[in-house]
Structures are given as structure tokens and as C-alpha cells.
Amino acid sequence: MNDQIQDHDDEEAQDTGPVQEPRLWQGNGWTARVIKNDDDEGWAVAMYKDGEPEPALVGPWTMGRDKKNPKPLDVNAFNTLIKTASEVIRRHEQHMHAILHKNLFVSTGEGELKVTLDIVPDDDDPYAMLAATDEMGEQVAKVRVAPTFKLTQASALAWIENDFRAPR
């Protein structure tokens, strides 16, 4: 019987829309949760993107007027937190893209080639794809290489001069 009441209460909570409480605020695909800061006497706020188990952002949160409890969340603070957390995610994605995707240009007797290295960070079998594209955008070669392959002018030129055989 209690399980049925609990299920009913959960359904009602979902029907009423996003939670907007002093320490918990939801909306626009995000949840802000004010938490006790374990490192000191203060408070922190954690921003979770819906569906993600880990917070995208954790930062200090302001004390309230009583100097013991946290300042309550409000719509303006929540919107600012969304903007900041979204920027953190965007920068992380840009950083990961820069690590996983590299390219450079090599001049050859036949023209300029764009050489790309795309790392696939698979948990079981990570690898990278080394590819060359000509000035017309046509792929000239593509080989699988170790994810630790270092793409440099010298390594790209050596690959081209070796008739695009997979580097060892």
C-alpha cells in the first residue's frame, strides 16, 4: 500500500512541472543542487545536465544573511549557472576534439595534401585513422594506426613517401 502511495506522489510531482526550491532548481534541461561544501564551512552548487550522472560544474555558493545557511536559488542565479555550465561543457568538447582530431598540410610534387589523424578512444580497442586528401577533396589514402601515433610534418611526409603504407 505504501508503495502505491509513493508511486502516486512521484507521478504528482512529475505532473506539477520542474522543481524550484531554495536548494534544488530544475528547468531547461538542467538541475542545480546546493550542497554542503565538504572542504570548508560553506556551501557549493552542483549543476547537472539532464541524463548525466556527474555534475558539469561544481562551484562555491553564497551564504545567506544568517551566515549559516545557503542563499536560496532563484531564476536569475539558475540562468547564470546554466550559461556557465554550458560554457564549461563547450570548452571540454572543444578540448577533446582538439586532442582526438589533428590535421596538417604537406606539399608534394603532385600538390598539397591535407593529412588528418582521427583518434577513436574505444575502451577495448582504441585506434586512429590516418588519412590524406588532395586539393580537390578526394581521399588519396586511409590507414589504421596506433592511437599513440604522433602526427607531425615529418611523420606525414614519411608516410606519403612510403606510398601511404601503414606506419609501424
N, C-alpha and C. Protein backbone atom coordinates (compact mmCIF):
# COMPACT_ATOMS: atom_id res chain seq x y z
N MET A 1 0.83 -1.20 0.00
CA MET A 1 0.00 0.00 0.00
C MET A 1 0.88 1.26 0.00
N ASN A 2 1.90 1.30 0.85
CA ASN A 2 2.77 2.47 0.90
C ASN A 2 3.48 2.70 -0.43
N ASP A 3 3.83 1.58 -1.12
CA ASP A 3 4.47 1.72 -2.43
C ASP A 3 3.54 2.41 -3.41
N GLN A 4 2.26 2.10 -3.35
CA GLN A 4 1.29 2.73 -4.26
C GLN A 4 1.18 4.22 -3.96
N ILE A 5 1.18 4.57 -2.68
CA ILE A 5 1.10 5.98 -2.30
C ILE A 5 2.34 6.70 -2.80
N GLN A 6 3.53 6.07 -2.60
CA GLN A 6 4.77 6.68 -3.05
C GLN A 6 4.76 6.88 -4.56
N ASP A 7 4.34 5.85 -5.31
CA ASP A 7 4.27 5.97 -6.77
C ASP A 7 3.34 7.10 -7.18
N HIS A 8 2.20 7.22 -6.50
CA HIS A 8 1.24 8.27 -6.79
C HIS A 8 1.86 9.64 -6.52
N ASP A 9 2.60 9.76 -5.41
CA ASP A 9 3.24 11.03 -5.08
C ASP A 9 4.28 11.39 -6.14
N ASP A 10 5.04 10.38 -6.62
CA ASP A 10 6.03 10.64 -7.65
C ASP A 10 5.36 11.13 -8.94
N GLU A 11 4.25 10.51 -9.30
CA GLU A 11 3.53 10.93 -10.51
C GLU A 11 3.03 12.36 -10.36
N GLU A 12 2.50 12.68 -9.18
CA GLU A 12 2.02 14.06 -8.96
C GLU A 12 3.16 15.05 -9.09
N ALA A 13 4.33 14.71 -8.53
CA ALA A 13 5.48 15.62 -8.60
C ALA A 13 5.87 15.84 -10.05
N GLN A 14 5.81 14.80 -10.88
CA GLN A 14 6.16 14.95 -12.28
C GLN A 14 5.13 15.80 -13.01
N ASP A 15 3.89 15.71 -12.63
CA ASP A 15 2.83 16.46 -13.30
C ASP A 15 2.90 17.95 -13.00
N THR A 16 3.48 18.32 -11.87
CA THR A 16 3.47 19.73 -11.47
C THR A 16 4.56 20.55 -12.14
N GLY A 17 5.45 19.91 -12.91
CA GLY A 17 6.48 20.65 -13.61
C GLY A 17 7.79 20.64 -12.87
N PRO A 18 8.73 21.48 -13.29
CA PRO A 18 10.06 21.46 -12.70
C PRO A 18 10.05 21.93 -11.24
N VAL A 19 10.99 21.39 -10.48
CA VAL A 19 11.15 21.77 -9.07
C VAL A 19 11.86 23.11 -9.02
N GLN A 20 11.35 24.00 -8.18
CA GLN A 20 12.01 25.29 -7.98
C GLN A 20 11.97 25.59 -6.49
N GLU A 21 12.97 25.04 -5.78
CA GLU A 21 13.08 25.16 -4.34
C GLU A 21 14.35 25.92 -4.00
N PRO A 22 14.50 26.37 -2.75
CA PRO A 22 15.69 27.12 -2.38
C PRO A 22 17.02 26.41 -2.64
N ARG A 23 17.05 25.06 -2.50
CA ARG A 23 18.30 24.32 -2.70
C ARG A 23 18.27 23.37 -3.89
N LEU A 24 17.18 23.35 -4.62
CA LEU A 24 17.06 22.48 -5.78
C LEU A 24 16.22 23.19 -6.83
N TRP A 25 16.79 23.36 -8.01
CA TRP A 25 16.10 24.10 -9.07
C TRP A 25 16.28 23.33 -10.37
N GLN A 26 15.19 23.11 -11.09
CA GLN A 26 15.25 22.38 -12.35
C GLN A 26 14.58 23.17 -13.46
N GLY A 27 15.09 22.98 -14.66
CA GLY A 27 14.50 23.61 -15.83
C GLY A 27 15.48 23.68 -16.97
N ASN A 28 14.97 23.81 -18.19
CA ASN A 28 15.79 23.98 -19.39
C ASN A 28 16.84 22.87 -19.54
N GLY A 29 16.52 21.65 -19.08
CA GLY A 29 17.46 20.55 -19.24
C GLY A 29 18.54 20.48 -18.19
N TRP A 30 18.40 21.24 -17.12
CA TRP A 30 19.42 21.31 -16.08
C TRP A 30 18.81 21.17 -14.69
N THR A 31 19.66 20.76 -13.74
CA THR A 31 19.29 20.75 -12.32
C THR A 31 20.43 21.38 -11.54
N ALA A 32 20.09 22.34 -10.69
CA ALA A 32 21.05 22.95 -9.77
C ALA A 32 20.74 22.43 -8.38
N ARG A 33 21.77 21.97 -7.69
CA ARG A 33 21.59 21.44 -6.34
C ARG A 33 22.61 22.11 -5.42
N VAL A 34 22.13 22.82 -4.40
CA VAL A 34 23.02 23.43 -3.42
C VAL A 34 23.38 22.35 -2.41
N ILE A 35 24.69 22.18 -2.20
CA ILE A 35 25.19 21.12 -1.33
C ILE A 35 26.17 21.68 -0.30
N LYS A 36 26.35 20.95 0.78
CA LYS A 36 27.33 21.35 1.79
C LYS A 36 28.71 21.16 1.19
N ASN A 37 29.56 22.15 1.33
CA ASN A 37 30.92 22.08 0.83
C ASN A 37 31.75 21.30 1.84
N ASP A 38 32.21 20.12 1.45
CA ASP A 38 32.96 19.26 2.37
C ASP A 38 34.32 19.85 2.74
N ASP A 39 34.85 20.73 1.91
CA ASP A 39 36.18 21.27 2.15
C ASP A 39 36.22 22.37 3.21
N ASP A 40 35.10 23.02 3.45
CA ASP A 40 35.09 24.10 4.46
C ASP A 40 33.70 24.23 5.07
N GLU A 41 33.45 25.35 5.68
CA GLU A 41 32.17 25.58 6.36
C GLU A 41 31.06 26.05 5.42
N GLY A 42 31.40 26.31 4.19
CA GLY A 42 30.45 26.93 3.28
C GLY A 42 29.60 25.96 2.48
N TRP A 43 29.07 26.49 1.37
CA TRP A 43 28.16 25.76 0.51
C TRP A 43 28.69 25.77 -0.91
N ALA A 44 28.22 24.81 -1.70
CA ALA A 44 28.58 24.73 -3.11
C ALA A 44 27.31 24.48 -3.90
N VAL A 45 27.39 24.71 -5.20
CA VAL A 45 26.26 24.41 -6.08
C VAL A 45 26.79 23.48 -7.17
N ALA A 46 26.03 22.42 -7.44
CA ALA A 46 26.38 21.46 -8.48
C ALA A 46 25.34 21.58 -9.59
N MET A 47 25.82 21.68 -10.82
CA MET A 47 24.94 21.79 -11.99
C MET A 47 25.02 20.49 -12.78
N TYR A 48 23.85 19.85 -12.94
CA TYR A 48 23.74 18.60 -13.67
C TYR A 48 22.95 18.82 -14.95
N LYS A 49 23.50 18.36 -16.07
CA LYS A 49 22.74 18.34 -17.32
C LYS A 49 21.84 17.11 -17.25
N ASP A 50 20.57 17.25 -17.63
CA ASP A 50 19.63 16.14 -17.55
C ASP A 50 20.20 14.89 -18.20
N GLY A 51 20.10 13.77 -17.49
CA GLY A 51 20.57 12.50 -18.01
C GLY A 51 22.03 12.18 -17.71
N GLU A 52 22.76 13.15 -17.16
CA GLU A 52 24.18 12.93 -16.86
C GLU A 52 24.36 12.61 -15.37
N PRO A 53 25.15 11.58 -15.05
CA PRO A 53 25.32 11.20 -13.65
C PRO A 53 26.25 12.13 -12.87
N GLU A 54 27.19 12.74 -13.56
CA GLU A 54 28.17 13.62 -12.91
C GLU A 54 27.84 15.08 -13.20
N PRO A 55 28.12 15.96 -12.24
CA PRO A 55 27.86 17.38 -12.49
C PRO A 55 28.79 17.95 -13.55
N ALA A 56 28.28 18.86 -14.35
CA ALA A 56 29.08 19.55 -15.34
C ALA A 56 29.91 20.65 -14.68
N LEU A 57 29.42 21.12 -13.54
CA LEU A 57 30.05 22.24 -12.85
C LEU A 57 29.75 22.13 -11.37
N VAL A 58 30.77 22.34 -10.54
CA VAL A 58 30.59 22.47 -9.10
C VAL A 58 31.37 23.71 -8.70
N GLY A 59 30.70 24.61 -8.00
CA GLY A 59 31.38 25.83 -7.59
C GLY A 59 30.87 26.33 -6.26
N PRO A 60 31.57 27.28 -5.68
CA PRO A 60 31.14 27.81 -4.38
C PRO A 60 29.78 28.49 -4.49
N TRP A 61 29.05 28.46 -3.40
CA TRP A 61 27.74 29.10 -3.36
C TRP A 61 27.71 30.07 -2.19
N THR A 62 26.99 31.15 -2.36
CA THR A 62 26.94 32.24 -1.39
C THR A 62 26.16 31.86 -0.14
N MET A 63 26.67 32.32 0.99
CA MET A 63 25.96 32.14 2.26
C MET A 63 24.78 33.11 2.31
N GLY A 64 23.76 32.69 3.03
CA GLY A 64 22.61 33.55 3.22
C GLY A 64 22.91 34.62 4.26
N ARG A 65 21.92 35.40 4.56
CA ARG A 65 22.11 36.51 5.52
C ARG A 65 22.45 36.03 6.92
N ASP A 66 21.97 34.82 7.27
CA ASP A 66 22.24 34.31 8.62
C ASP A 66 23.65 33.75 8.76
N LYS A 67 24.42 33.72 7.70
CA LYS A 67 25.80 33.26 7.66
C LYS A 67 25.95 31.78 8.02
N LYS A 68 24.85 31.03 8.01
CA LYS A 68 24.91 29.60 8.28
C LYS A 68 24.34 28.80 7.12
N ASN A 69 23.25 29.26 6.58
CA ASN A 69 22.54 28.56 5.52
C ASN A 69 22.86 29.19 4.16
N PRO A 70 22.69 28.43 3.08
CA PRO A 70 22.99 28.98 1.75
C PRO A 70 21.92 29.96 1.30
N LYS A 71 22.36 30.87 0.45
CA LYS A 71 21.41 31.78 -0.21
C LYS A 71 20.49 30.91 -1.08
N PRO A 72 19.21 31.17 -1.10
CA PRO A 72 18.30 30.35 -1.92
C PRO A 72 18.54 30.57 -3.42
N LEU A 73 18.35 29.52 -4.18
CA LEU A 73 18.42 29.63 -5.63
C LEU A 73 17.25 30.45 -6.12
N ASP A 74 17.45 31.16 -7.23
CA ASP A 74 16.35 31.89 -7.87
C ASP A 74 16.54 31.80 -9.38
N VAL A 75 15.60 32.31 -10.12
CA VAL A 75 15.63 32.16 -11.58
C VAL A 75 16.85 32.83 -12.19
N ASN A 76 17.25 34.00 -11.70
CA ASN A 76 18.42 34.69 -12.27
C ASN A 76 19.70 33.92 -12.02
N ALA A 77 19.87 33.45 -10.79
CA ALA A 77 21.06 32.66 -10.46
C ALA A 77 21.08 31.38 -11.28
N PHE A 78 19.94 30.73 -11.40
CA PHE A 78 19.84 29.48 -12.14
C PHE A 78 20.23 29.69 -13.60
N ASN A 79 19.72 30.75 -14.22
CA ASN A 79 20.05 31.04 -15.62
C ASN A 79 21.53 31.32 -15.80
N THR A 80 22.14 32.01 -14.85
CA THR A 80 23.58 32.27 -14.90
C THR A 80 24.36 30.97 -14.77
N LEU A 81 23.91 30.10 -13.87
CA LEU A 81 24.57 28.81 -13.69
C LEU A 81 24.46 27.95 -14.96
N ILE A 82 23.32 27.99 -15.62
CA ILE A 82 23.15 27.25 -16.88
C ILE A 82 24.16 27.75 -17.91
N LYS A 83 24.25 29.06 -18.03
CA LYS A 83 25.17 29.65 -19.01
C LYS A 83 26.61 29.24 -18.71
N THR A 84 27.01 29.28 -17.44
CA THR A 84 28.37 28.92 -17.05
C THR A 84 28.64 27.44 -17.28
N ALA A 85 27.72 26.58 -16.86
CA ALA A 85 27.89 25.13 -17.04
C ALA A 85 27.93 24.76 -18.51
N SER A 86 27.10 25.40 -19.32
CA SER A 86 27.09 25.14 -20.77
C SER A 86 28.43 25.51 -21.38
N GLU A 87 29.01 26.61 -20.94
CA GLU A 87 30.32 27.05 -21.42
C GLU A 87 31.41 26.05 -21.02
N VAL A 88 31.34 25.52 -19.81
CA VAL A 88 32.30 24.52 -19.36
C VAL A 88 32.22 23.28 -20.26
N ILE A 89 31.02 22.82 -20.55
CA ILE A 89 30.84 21.66 -21.42
C ILE A 89 31.37 21.96 -22.82
N ARG A 90 31.06 23.14 -23.34
CA ARG A 90 31.52 23.51 -24.69
C ARG A 90 33.05 23.52 -24.76
N ARG A 91 33.70 24.08 -23.75
CA ARG A 91 35.16 24.12 -23.74
C ARG A 91 35.75 22.72 -23.63
N HIS A 92 35.13 21.87 -22.82
CA HIS A 92 35.59 20.49 -22.69
C HIS A 92 35.47 19.76 -24.03
N GLU A 93 34.35 19.95 -24.71
CA GLU A 93 34.16 19.31 -26.02
C GLU A 93 35.18 19.81 -27.03
N GLN A 94 35.47 21.11 -27.02
CA GLN A 94 36.47 21.67 -27.94
C GLN A 94 37.85 21.09 -27.63
N HIS A 95 38.16 20.95 -26.35
CA HIS A 95 39.45 20.40 -25.94
C HIS A 95 39.58 18.94 -26.40
N MET A 96 38.51 18.15 -26.17
CA MET A 96 38.53 16.75 -26.59
C MET A 96 38.65 16.64 -28.10
N HIS A 97 37.96 17.49 -28.83
CA HIS A 97 38.06 17.47 -30.29
C HIS A 97 39.49 17.77 -30.73
N ALA A 98 40.13 18.75 -30.10
CA ALA A 98 41.50 19.10 -30.45
C ALA A 98 42.46 17.96 -30.16
N ILE A 99 42.21 17.20 -29.11
CA ILE A 99 43.07 16.06 -28.77
C ILE A 99 42.86 14.91 -29.75
N LEU A 100 41.60 14.68 -30.12
CA LEU A 100 41.27 13.49 -30.92
C LEU A 100 41.36 13.70 -32.43
N HIS A 101 41.38 14.95 -32.90
CA HIS A 101 41.37 15.23 -34.34
C HIS A 101 42.45 16.26 -34.67
N LYS A 102 43.44 15.80 -35.43
CA LYS A 102 44.54 16.69 -35.81
C LYS A 102 44.67 16.68 -37.34
N ASN A 103 45.16 17.79 -37.88
CA ASN A 103 45.43 17.82 -39.33
C ASN A 103 46.54 18.80 -39.63
N LEU A 104 47.17 18.57 -40.77
CA LEU A 104 48.20 19.46 -41.26
C LEU A 104 48.29 19.32 -42.78
N PHE A 105 49.04 20.19 -43.40
CA PHE A 105 49.18 20.18 -44.86
C PHE A 105 50.62 19.89 -45.23
N VAL A 106 50.78 19.05 -46.26
CA VAL A 106 52.11 18.67 -46.74
C VAL A 106 52.17 18.96 -48.24
N SER A 107 53.22 19.67 -48.67
CA SER A 107 53.42 19.94 -50.10
C SER A 107 54.20 18.79 -50.71
N THR A 108 53.67 18.30 -51.85
CA THR A 108 54.34 17.22 -52.57
C THR A 108 54.53 17.68 -54.01
N GLY A 109 55.19 16.85 -54.81
CA GLY A 109 55.38 17.16 -56.22
C GLY A 109 54.06 17.22 -56.98
N GLU A 110 53.05 16.51 -56.49
CA GLU A 110 51.73 16.50 -57.15
C GLU A 110 50.78 17.55 -56.59
N GLY A 111 51.20 18.29 -55.59
CA GLY A 111 50.34 19.30 -54.98
C GLY A 111 50.29 19.15 -53.47
N GLU A 112 49.39 19.88 -52.89
CA GLU A 112 49.29 19.87 -51.43
C GLU A 112 48.31 18.80 -50.96
N LEU A 113 48.68 18.08 -49.91
CA LEU A 113 47.81 17.08 -49.30
C LEU A 113 47.45 17.51 -47.88
N LYS A 114 46.20 17.30 -47.53
CA LYS A 114 45.77 17.50 -46.15
C LYS A 114 45.84 16.13 -45.48
N VAL A 115 46.61 16.04 -44.41
CA VAL A 115 46.76 14.78 -43.68
C VAL A 115 46.04 14.94 -42.35
N THR A 116 45.15 13.98 -42.06
CA THR A 116 44.36 14.04 -40.83
C THR A 116 44.63 12.80 -39.98
N LEU A 117 44.50 12.98 -38.68
CA LEU A 117 44.60 11.88 -37.73
C LEU A 117 43.38 11.97 -36.83
N ASP A 118 42.54 10.94 -36.85
CA ASP A 118 41.34 10.90 -36.03
C ASP A 118 41.44 9.72 -35.07
N ILE A 119 41.57 10.03 -33.79
CA ILE A 119 41.71 9.00 -32.75
C ILE A 119 40.32 8.55 -32.31
N VAL A 120 40.15 7.23 -32.21
CA VAL A 120 38.90 6.63 -31.74
C VAL A 120 39.20 6.03 -30.36
N PRO A 121 38.78 6.71 -29.28
CA PRO A 121 39.15 6.28 -27.93
C PRO A 121 38.25 5.16 -27.39
N ASP A 122 38.22 4.03 -28.07
CA ASP A 122 37.42 2.89 -27.66
C ASP A 122 38.03 2.27 -26.40
N ASP A 123 37.18 1.90 -25.43
CA ASP A 123 37.67 1.33 -24.17
C ASP A 123 38.42 0.02 -24.40
N ASP A 124 37.96 -0.80 -25.33
CA ASP A 124 38.56 -2.12 -25.55
C ASP A 124 39.65 -2.13 -26.61
N ASP A 125 39.49 -1.33 -27.65
CA ASP A 125 40.42 -1.36 -28.77
C ASP A 125 40.59 0.04 -29.38
N PRO A 126 41.30 0.93 -28.68
CA PRO A 126 41.49 2.27 -29.25
C PRO A 126 42.38 2.21 -30.48
N TYR A 127 42.11 3.10 -31.43
CA TYR A 127 42.90 3.17 -32.65
C TYR A 127 42.76 4.56 -33.23
N ALA A 128 43.49 4.79 -34.31
CA ALA A 128 43.39 6.08 -35.02
C ALA A 128 43.37 5.80 -36.51
N MET A 129 42.77 6.72 -37.25
CA MET A 129 42.75 6.65 -38.70
C MET A 129 43.58 7.81 -39.25
N LEU A 130 44.56 7.45 -40.05
CA LEU A 130 45.42 8.43 -40.71
C LEU A 130 44.95 8.52 -42.15
N ALA A 131 44.66 9.71 -42.63
CA ALA A 131 44.12 9.86 -43.98
C ALA A 131 44.79 11.04 -44.69
N ALA A 132 44.78 10.94 -46.01
CA ALA A 132 45.31 12.03 -46.85
C ALA A 132 44.24 12.39 -47.88
N THR A 133 44.06 13.69 -48.07
CA THR A 133 43.07 14.22 -49.02
C THR A 133 43.78 15.21 -49.93
N ASP A 134 43.49 15.14 -51.23
CA ASP A 134 44.14 16.06 -52.16
C ASP A 134 43.41 17.41 -52.18
N GLU A 135 43.92 18.31 -53.02
CA GLU A 135 43.38 19.67 -53.09
C GLU A 135 41.93 19.72 -53.58
N MET A 136 41.50 18.67 -54.28
CA MET A 136 40.12 18.61 -54.78
C MET A 136 39.17 17.99 -53.76
N GLY A 137 39.70 17.60 -52.60
CA GLY A 137 38.86 17.00 -51.57
C GLY A 137 38.71 15.49 -51.72
N GLU A 138 39.46 14.89 -52.65
CA GLU A 138 39.40 13.45 -52.87
C GLU A 138 40.35 12.75 -51.90
N GLN A 139 39.86 11.68 -51.26
CA GLN A 139 40.71 10.93 -50.35
C GLN A 139 41.71 10.11 -51.16
N VAL A 140 42.99 10.30 -50.84
CA VAL A 140 44.08 9.62 -51.54
C VAL A 140 44.43 8.32 -50.83
N ALA A 141 44.40 8.33 -49.50
CA ALA A 141 44.76 7.14 -48.73
C ALA A 141 44.15 7.24 -47.34
N LYS A 142 43.97 6.04 -46.74
CA LYS A 142 43.46 5.98 -45.37
C LYS A 142 43.95 4.67 -44.76
N VAL A 143 44.60 4.76 -43.60
CA VAL A 143 45.10 3.56 -42.92
C VAL A 143 44.83 3.66 -41.43
N ARG A 144 44.73 2.50 -40.82
CA ARG A 144 44.55 2.41 -39.37
C ARG A 144 45.94 2.41 -38.73
N VAL A 145 46.08 3.23 -37.69
CA VAL A 145 47.35 3.32 -36.97
C VAL A 145 47.08 3.25 -35.47
N ALA A 146 48.15 3.15 -34.70
CA ALA A 146 48.03 3.12 -33.24
C ALA A 146 47.48 4.46 -32.76
N PRO A 147 46.71 4.45 -31.67
CA PRO A 147 46.16 5.72 -31.16
C PRO A 147 47.25 6.65 -30.64
N THR A 148 48.46 6.11 -30.45
CA THR A 148 49.59 6.91 -29.95
C THR A 148 50.39 7.53 -31.08
N PHE A 149 49.99 7.28 -32.35
CA PHE A 149 50.71 7.85 -33.49
C PHE A 149 50.78 9.36 -33.37
N LYS A 150 51.97 9.92 -33.56
CA LYS A 150 52.15 11.37 -33.48
C LYS A 150 52.18 11.95 -34.89
N LEU A 151 51.20 12.79 -35.19
CA LEU A 151 51.14 13.43 -36.50
C LEU A 151 52.00 14.69 -36.48
N THR A 152 53.08 14.64 -37.24
CA THR A 152 53.97 15.79 -37.41
C THR A 152 54.24 15.94 -38.90
N GLN A 153 54.85 17.03 -39.28
CA GLN A 153 55.22 17.22 -40.69
C GLN A 153 56.10 16.05 -41.13
N ALA A 154 57.06 15.68 -40.29
CA ALA A 154 58.00 14.62 -40.64
C ALA A 154 57.29 13.27 -40.75
N SER A 155 56.40 12.94 -39.82
CA SER A 155 55.73 11.64 -39.87
C SER A 155 54.76 11.58 -41.06
N ALA A 156 54.12 12.69 -41.37
CA ALA A 156 53.21 12.73 -42.51
C ALA A 156 53.99 12.57 -43.82
N LEU A 157 55.09 13.27 -43.94
CA LEU A 157 55.91 13.18 -45.15
C LEU A 157 56.48 11.76 -45.31
N ALA A 158 56.93 11.16 -44.22
CA ALA A 158 57.45 9.79 -44.28
C ALA A 158 56.36 8.82 -44.74
N TRP A 159 55.14 9.01 -44.26
CA TRP A 159 54.02 8.15 -44.66
C TRP A 159 53.73 8.29 -46.16
N ILE A 160 53.72 9.53 -46.63
CA ILE A 160 53.48 9.78 -48.06
C ILE A 160 54.58 9.17 -48.91
N GLU A 161 55.85 9.38 -48.50
CA GLU A 161 56.98 8.86 -49.26
C GLU A 161 57.04 7.33 -49.24
N ASN A 162 56.40 6.71 -48.25
CA ASN A 162 56.35 5.25 -48.15
C ASN A 162 55.09 4.71 -48.83
N ASP A 163 54.61 5.45 -49.83
CA ASP A 163 53.42 5.06 -50.60
C ASP A 163 52.19 4.81 -49.72
N PHE A 164 52.06 5.57 -48.66
CA PHE A 164 50.89 5.54 -47.76
C PHE A 164 50.72 4.19 -47.05
N ARG A 165 51.80 3.42 -46.93
CA ARG A 165 51.71 2.19 -46.16
C ARG A 165 51.61 2.54 -44.68
N ALA A 166 50.88 1.73 -43.95
CA ALA A 166 50.67 1.99 -42.51
C ALA A 166 52.00 2.10 -41.79
N PRO A 167 52.23 3.21 -41.08
CA PRO A 167 53.46 3.37 -40.31
C PRO A 167 53.54 2.31 -39.20
N ARG A 168 54.73 1.93 -38.85
CA ARG A 168 54.92 0.92 -37.80
C ARG A 168 55.19 1.58 -36.48
